[in-house]
Amino acid sequence: MAEAKWSAEGTVVAGLIERKGFTRIEIASRLRVSPDVVDNLCSGRTKLKGQRLKEMAFALDMPEGQLRSMLMASTPYSAEAPRLATINEPRATYQHDKTVTIRGGKIIIVPNGKRAIPIYGSVTAGQPGRTFSDAEDVEFMTDWPSPFERWGRNVTGSSMEPEFRERDIAVFENRRAEKNQAVYAVRDGEDTFKILREGKTGEGMLWPLNLDGHEPFSAEGWQILGVLTARIRYGAGGLRDQRDYPLNFTFRPGWKSDD
């Protein structure tokens, strides 16, 4: 068995995973690696660095610089090591605070019994597009009894029509994806919103709902970070419509809802 040369760093990683409400298997799924890789990182047998560090920060929903600083401070020569080894921090401050602060310093009051869902700009429903940014706005949803985090993106493009139109908000949850679910995926600074399907030879594919002028593409290299859990749409006069999708809800290309 490999020596745990970076046990202090491993303690930080393991503590963060626990405090954020994830299991190691869930983190392995988000990183698209085997659970053994995560176990080695948590035990200190493997050092968290380079691209893997960036991916881990993204999987834990925290800034890369913050994670890097915590790992550096955990080394034996750091005076902060004893404090950081226990990592006693809340899971996600926007879930539990009575107010949230979004881009530009705008402060928003969160109603009782609700959670604030950060909205991170646009995700294309055509060609893969932008990456995460600081939250531009929030939506409120009734509190849900699970450890999973949720976030929203504004839909652009037409490949997920008619169920998802321009300016709809797609809300994702960071749980493991199953085939025929609508998912949020990223790769090399791009992101996309598509249906995860299995190809004829067993390979993963990302399919549009709208097959008119839109083509599926391989899921190879794409990191699936979330599964669709709700769609929010604003109609005439600002009327808000929210459609929730249960855990076992699946999509197929060409599928159309009743609305």
Protein backbone atom coordinates (compact mmCIF):
# COMPACT_ATOMS: atom_id res chain seq x y z
CA MET A 1 0.00 0.00 0.00
CA ALA A 2 1.33 3.43 -0.89
CA GLU A 3 2.60 5.64 1.91
CA ALA A 4 0.28 8.47 2.98
CA LYS A 5 2.75 11.29 2.33
CA TRP A 6 0.05 13.95 2.23
CA SER A 7 -2.13 12.83 5.14
CA ALA A 8 -2.77 16.41 6.29
CA GLU A 9 -4.05 17.38 2.84
CA GLY A 10 -6.12 14.20 2.78
CA THR A 11 -7.74 15.18 6.07
CA VAL A 12 -8.77 18.50 4.52
CA VAL A 13 -10.22 16.83 1.43
CA ALA A 14 -12.10 14.19 3.43
CA GLY A 15 -13.45 16.83 5.79
CA LEU A 16 -14.66 19.04 2.97
CA ILE A 17 -16.48 16.19 1.29
CA GLU A 18 -18.25 15.37 4.56
CA ARG A 19 -19.08 18.97 5.46
CA LYS A 20 -20.44 19.69 1.99
CA GLY A 21 -22.85 16.79 2.39
CA PHE A 22 -21.39 14.48 -0.27
CA THR A 23 -20.31 10.86 -0.16
CA ARG A 24 -16.98 9.80 -1.66
CA ILE A 25 -18.87 7.82 -4.30
CA GLU A 26 -20.77 10.97 -5.32
CA ILE A 27 -17.52 12.93 -5.61
CA ALA A 28 -16.00 10.13 -7.66
CA SER A 29 -18.99 10.33 -10.01
CA ARG A 30 -18.62 14.09 -10.36
CA LEU A 31 -14.89 13.70 -11.08
CA ARG A 32 -15.56 10.76 -13.40
CA VAL A 33 -13.00 8.60 -11.59
CA SER A 34 -13.19 5.40 -9.54
CA PRO A 35 -13.97 5.63 -5.79
CA ASP A 36 -10.45 4.32 -5.13
CA VAL A 37 -9.01 7.55 -6.56
CA VAL A 38 -11.05 9.61 -4.10
CA ASP A 39 -10.12 7.29 -1.23
CA ASN A 40 -6.43 7.79 -2.07
CA LEU A 41 -6.89 11.57 -2.08
CA CYS A 42 -8.71 11.46 1.27
CA SER A 43 -6.08 9.23 2.88
CA GLY A 44 -3.14 11.27 1.56
CA ARG A 45 -1.68 8.52 -0.59
CA THR A 46 -2.22 10.73 -3.63
CA LYS A 47 -1.56 14.47 -3.77
CA LEU A 48 -4.36 16.73 -5.02
CA LYS A 49 -2.80 19.01 -7.63
CA GLY A 50 -3.00 20.36 -11.16
CA GLN A 51 -6.15 19.71 -13.18
CA ARG A 52 -7.47 17.30 -10.55
CA LEU A 53 -7.41 20.11 -7.96
CA LYS A 54 -9.44 22.34 -10.27
CA GLU A 55 -11.94 19.54 -10.86
CA MET A 56 -12.21 18.82 -7.13
CA ALA A 57 -12.92 22.48 -6.35
CA PHE A 58 -15.61 22.48 -9.02
CA ALA A 59 -17.10 19.24 -7.65
CA LEU A 60 -17.18 20.72 -4.13
CA ASP A 61 -18.79 23.97 -5.35
CA MET A 62 -16.00 26.16 -4.00
CA PRO A 63 -13.41 28.52 -5.53
CA GLU A 64 -10.19 26.83 -6.63
CA GLY A 65 -8.12 29.41 -4.79
CA GLN A 66 -9.92 28.69 -1.52
CA LEU A 67 -9.29 24.96 -1.81
CA ARG A 68 -5.65 25.53 -2.75
CA SER A 69 -5.14 27.81 0.26
CA MET A 70 -6.68 25.26 2.62
CA LEU A 71 -4.42 22.53 1.29
CA MET A 72 -1.32 24.72 1.62
CA ALA A 73 -2.28 25.70 5.17
CA SER A 74 -2.62 22.02 6.14
CA THR A 75 1.09 21.29 5.71
CA PRO A 76 3.07 20.55 8.92
CA TYR A 77 4.97 23.83 8.87
CA SER A 78 1.79 25.91 8.81
CA ALA A 79 0.52 27.42 12.04
CA GLU A 80 -3.02 27.08 10.70
CA ALA A 81 -2.86 23.31 10.24
CA PRO A 82 -4.62 22.32 13.52
CA ARG A 83 -7.53 24.68 12.82
CA LEU A 84 -8.01 23.62 9.20
CA ALA A 85 -7.72 19.91 9.91
CA THR A 86 -11.24 19.91 11.41
CA ILE A 87 -12.84 22.08 8.67
CA ASN A 88 -15.93 23.20 10.54
CA GLU A 89 -17.78 25.21 7.89
CA PRO A 90 -21.43 25.30 6.73
CA ARG A 91 -22.33 23.38 3.58
CA ALA A 92 -23.53 26.27 1.44
CA THR A 93 -24.16 29.64 2.99
CA TYR A 94 -26.87 30.62 0.50
CA GLN A 95 -28.97 27.67 1.71
CA HIS A 96 -29.17 28.67 5.34
CA ASP A 97 -28.72 32.43 5.62
CA LYS A 98 -31.71 34.77 5.67
CA THR A 99 -30.03 36.87 2.98
CA VAL A 100 -27.87 36.13 -0.04
CA THR A 101 -25.43 38.43 -1.81
CA ILE A 102 -25.12 38.09 -5.57
CA ARG A 103 -23.01 39.71 -8.27
CA GLY A 104 -22.53 43.43 -7.75
CA GLY A 105 -23.10 43.18 -4.00
CA LYS A 106 -26.91 43.03 -4.26
CA ILE A 107 -28.44 41.63 -1.07
CA ILE A 108 -31.62 39.54 -1.33
CA ILE A 109 -33.79 38.40 1.58
CA VAL A 110 -34.66 34.68 1.58
CA PRO A 111 -38.27 33.91 2.69
CA ASN A 112 -38.83 31.42 5.51
CA GLY A 113 -39.15 27.83 4.32
CA LYS A 114 -37.40 28.60 1.04
CA ARG A 115 -33.93 28.04 -0.34
CA ALA A 116 -32.21 30.46 -2.66
CA ILE A 117 -31.10 28.86 -5.92
CA PRO A 118 -28.19 30.73 -7.54
CA ILE A 119 -28.65 31.49 -11.23
CA TYR A 120 -25.37 31.46 -13.14
CA GLY A 121 -26.05 33.14 -16.46
CA SER A 122 -26.82 31.13 -19.58
CA VAL A 123 -26.33 27.58 -20.77
CA THR A 124 -26.85 26.93 -24.44
CA ALA A 125 -29.40 24.39 -25.58
CA GLY A 126 -27.72 24.26 -28.98
CA GLN A 127 -23.95 24.27 -29.29
CA PRO A 128 -21.98 23.98 -26.00
CA GLY A 129 -21.46 27.42 -24.52
CA ARG A 130 -20.38 29.23 -21.38
CA THR A 131 -18.91 28.12 -18.09
CA PHE A 132 -20.06 28.93 -14.56
CA SER A 133 -19.86 32.54 -13.43
CA ASP A 134 -20.82 34.32 -10.25
CA ALA A 135 -24.54 34.15 -9.56
CA GLU A 136 -26.40 36.84 -11.49
CA ASP A 137 -29.70 36.27 -9.72
CA VAL A 138 -31.55 33.84 -7.47
CA GLU A 139 -34.79 31.90 -7.56
CA PHE A 140 -36.61 30.67 -4.47
CA MET A 141 -37.72 27.05 -4.14
CA THR A 142 -39.44 25.20 -1.33
CA ASP A 143 -36.84 23.55 0.89
CA TRP A 144 -36.10 19.96 -0.11
CA PRO A 145 -35.10 17.14 2.26
CA SER A 146 -31.87 15.99 0.63
CA PRO A 147 -28.16 16.83 0.81
CA PHE A 148 -27.94 17.67 -2.90
CA GLU A 149 -27.20 21.20 -4.07
CA ARG A 150 -29.21 22.95 -6.79
CA TRP A 151 -28.40 25.78 -9.17
CA GLY A 152 -30.02 27.30 -12.23
CA ARG A 153 -28.95 28.36 -15.72
CA ASN A 154 -30.84 30.43 -18.29
CA VAL A 155 -31.59 28.40 -21.41
CA THR A 156 -30.58 29.73 -24.82
CA GLY A 157 -30.83 28.09 -28.20
CA SER A 158 -33.54 25.80 -29.54
CA SER A 159 -32.21 22.25 -29.27
CA MET A 160 -34.25 21.47 -26.13
CA GLU A 161 -37.54 22.89 -27.44
CA PRO A 162 -40.46 22.70 -26.98
CA GLU A 163 -40.06 21.72 -23.33
CA PHE A 164 -37.28 24.27 -22.73
CA ARG A 165 -37.48 27.62 -24.48
CA GLU A 166 -35.34 30.73 -24.68
CA ARG A 167 -35.14 32.47 -21.28
CA ASP A 168 -36.45 29.47 -19.34
CA ILE A 169 -34.44 28.64 -16.22
CA ALA A 170 -33.24 25.04 -15.96
CA VAL A 171 -32.56 23.99 -12.36
CA PHE A 172 -30.03 21.21 -11.82
CA GLU A 173 -29.14 19.04 -8.84
CA ASN A 174 -25.70 17.51 -8.34
CA ARG A 175 -26.87 13.92 -8.10
CA ARG A 176 -25.71 11.01 -10.23
CA ALA A 177 -27.17 10.92 -13.75
CA GLU A 178 -28.96 7.97 -15.29
CA LYS A 179 -29.60 7.39 -18.99
CA ASN A 180 -32.45 9.34 -20.56
CA GLN A 181 -32.21 12.11 -17.98
CA ALA A 182 -31.61 15.74 -18.94
CA VAL A 183 -28.19 16.78 -17.67
CA TYR A 184 -25.77 19.68 -17.35
CA ALA A 185 -22.25 18.86 -18.58
CA VAL A 186 -18.95 20.72 -18.98
CA ARG A 187 -15.77 20.16 -20.98
CA ASP A 188 -12.73 22.37 -21.63
CA GLY A 189 -14.44 25.62 -20.68
CA GLU A 190 -17.72 24.81 -22.44
CA ASP A 191 -21.06 23.65 -21.09
CA THR A 192 -24.21 22.11 -22.48
CA PHE A 193 -27.73 20.99 -21.54
CA LYS A 194 -28.77 17.72 -23.20
CA ILE A 195 -30.22 14.23 -22.67
CA LEU A 196 -27.78 11.53 -21.58
CA ARG A 197 -28.33 8.40 -23.68
CA GLU A 198 -26.53 5.19 -24.48
CA GLY A 199 -25.27 4.69 -28.03
CA LYS A 200 -25.68 1.52 -30.07
CA THR A 201 -22.32 0.21 -28.90
CA GLY A 202 -22.77 1.27 -25.27
CA GLU A 203 -21.00 4.62 -25.45
CA GLY A 204 -22.50 7.72 -23.82
CA MET A 205 -24.21 10.24 -26.08
CA LEU A 206 -25.67 13.71 -25.48
CA TRP A 207 -28.92 14.20 -27.39
CA PRO A 208 -31.14 17.22 -28.04
CA LEU A 209 -34.90 17.03 -27.53
CA ASN A 210 -35.47 18.94 -30.76
CA LEU A 211 -34.22 16.84 -33.68
CA ASP A 212 -34.97 19.53 -36.25
CA GLY A 213 -31.50 20.71 -37.27
CA HIS A 214 -29.76 19.50 -34.10
CA GLU A 215 -27.50 16.47 -33.85
CA PRO A 216 -26.40 14.31 -30.91
CA PHE A 217 -22.72 14.08 -30.02
CA SER A 218 -20.45 11.85 -27.97
CA ALA A 219 -20.39 12.33 -24.19
CA GLU A 220 -16.70 11.36 -24.11
CA GLY A 221 -14.70 13.97 -22.24
CA TRP A 222 -17.79 15.68 -20.85
CA GLN A 223 -18.13 15.88 -17.08
CA ILE A 224 -21.76 15.60 -16.00
CA LEU A 225 -22.27 17.86 -13.01
CA GLY A 226 -26.02 17.88 -12.55
CA VAL A 227 -29.40 16.38 -13.38
CA LEU A 228 -32.40 18.50 -14.28
CA THR A 229 -34.85 18.82 -11.41
CA ALA A 230 -37.07 21.77 -12.40
CA ARG A 231 -37.92 24.27 -15.12
CA ILE A 232 -38.95 27.84 -14.25
CA ARG A 233 -40.72 29.98 -16.85
CA TYR A 234 -42.05 33.52 -16.65
CA GLY A 235 -45.10 34.33 -18.76
CA ALA A 236 -47.12 37.44 -19.52
CA GLY A 237 -47.24 39.88 -16.64
CA GLY A 238 -44.40 38.10 -14.86
CA LEU A 239 -46.50 35.03 -14.00
CA ARG A 240 -44.13 32.35 -12.68
CA ASP A 241 -44.60 28.73 -13.71
CA GLN A 242 -42.47 25.98 -12.16
CA ARG A 243 -42.45 22.41 -13.45
CA ASP A 244 -40.71 19.82 -11.28
CA TYR A 245 -39.21 16.60 -12.63
CA PRO A 246 -39.18 13.57 -10.27
CA LEU A 247 -36.09 11.42 -9.78
CA ASN A 248 -37.33 8.74 -12.18
CA PHE A 249 -38.39 11.17 -14.92
CA THR A 250 -36.74 10.42 -18.27
CA PHE A 251 -36.62 12.18 -21.63
CA ARG A 252 -36.28 10.81 -25.15
CA PRO A 253 -35.41 12.77 -28.30
CA GLY A 254 -38.58 14.13 -29.89
CA TRP A 255 -40.54 13.93 -26.61
CA LYS A 256 -43.15 16.65 -26.14
CA SER A 257 -45.06 17.63 -23.01
CA ASP A 258 -48.68 18.67 -22.90
CA ASP A 259 -48.05 22.41 -22.54
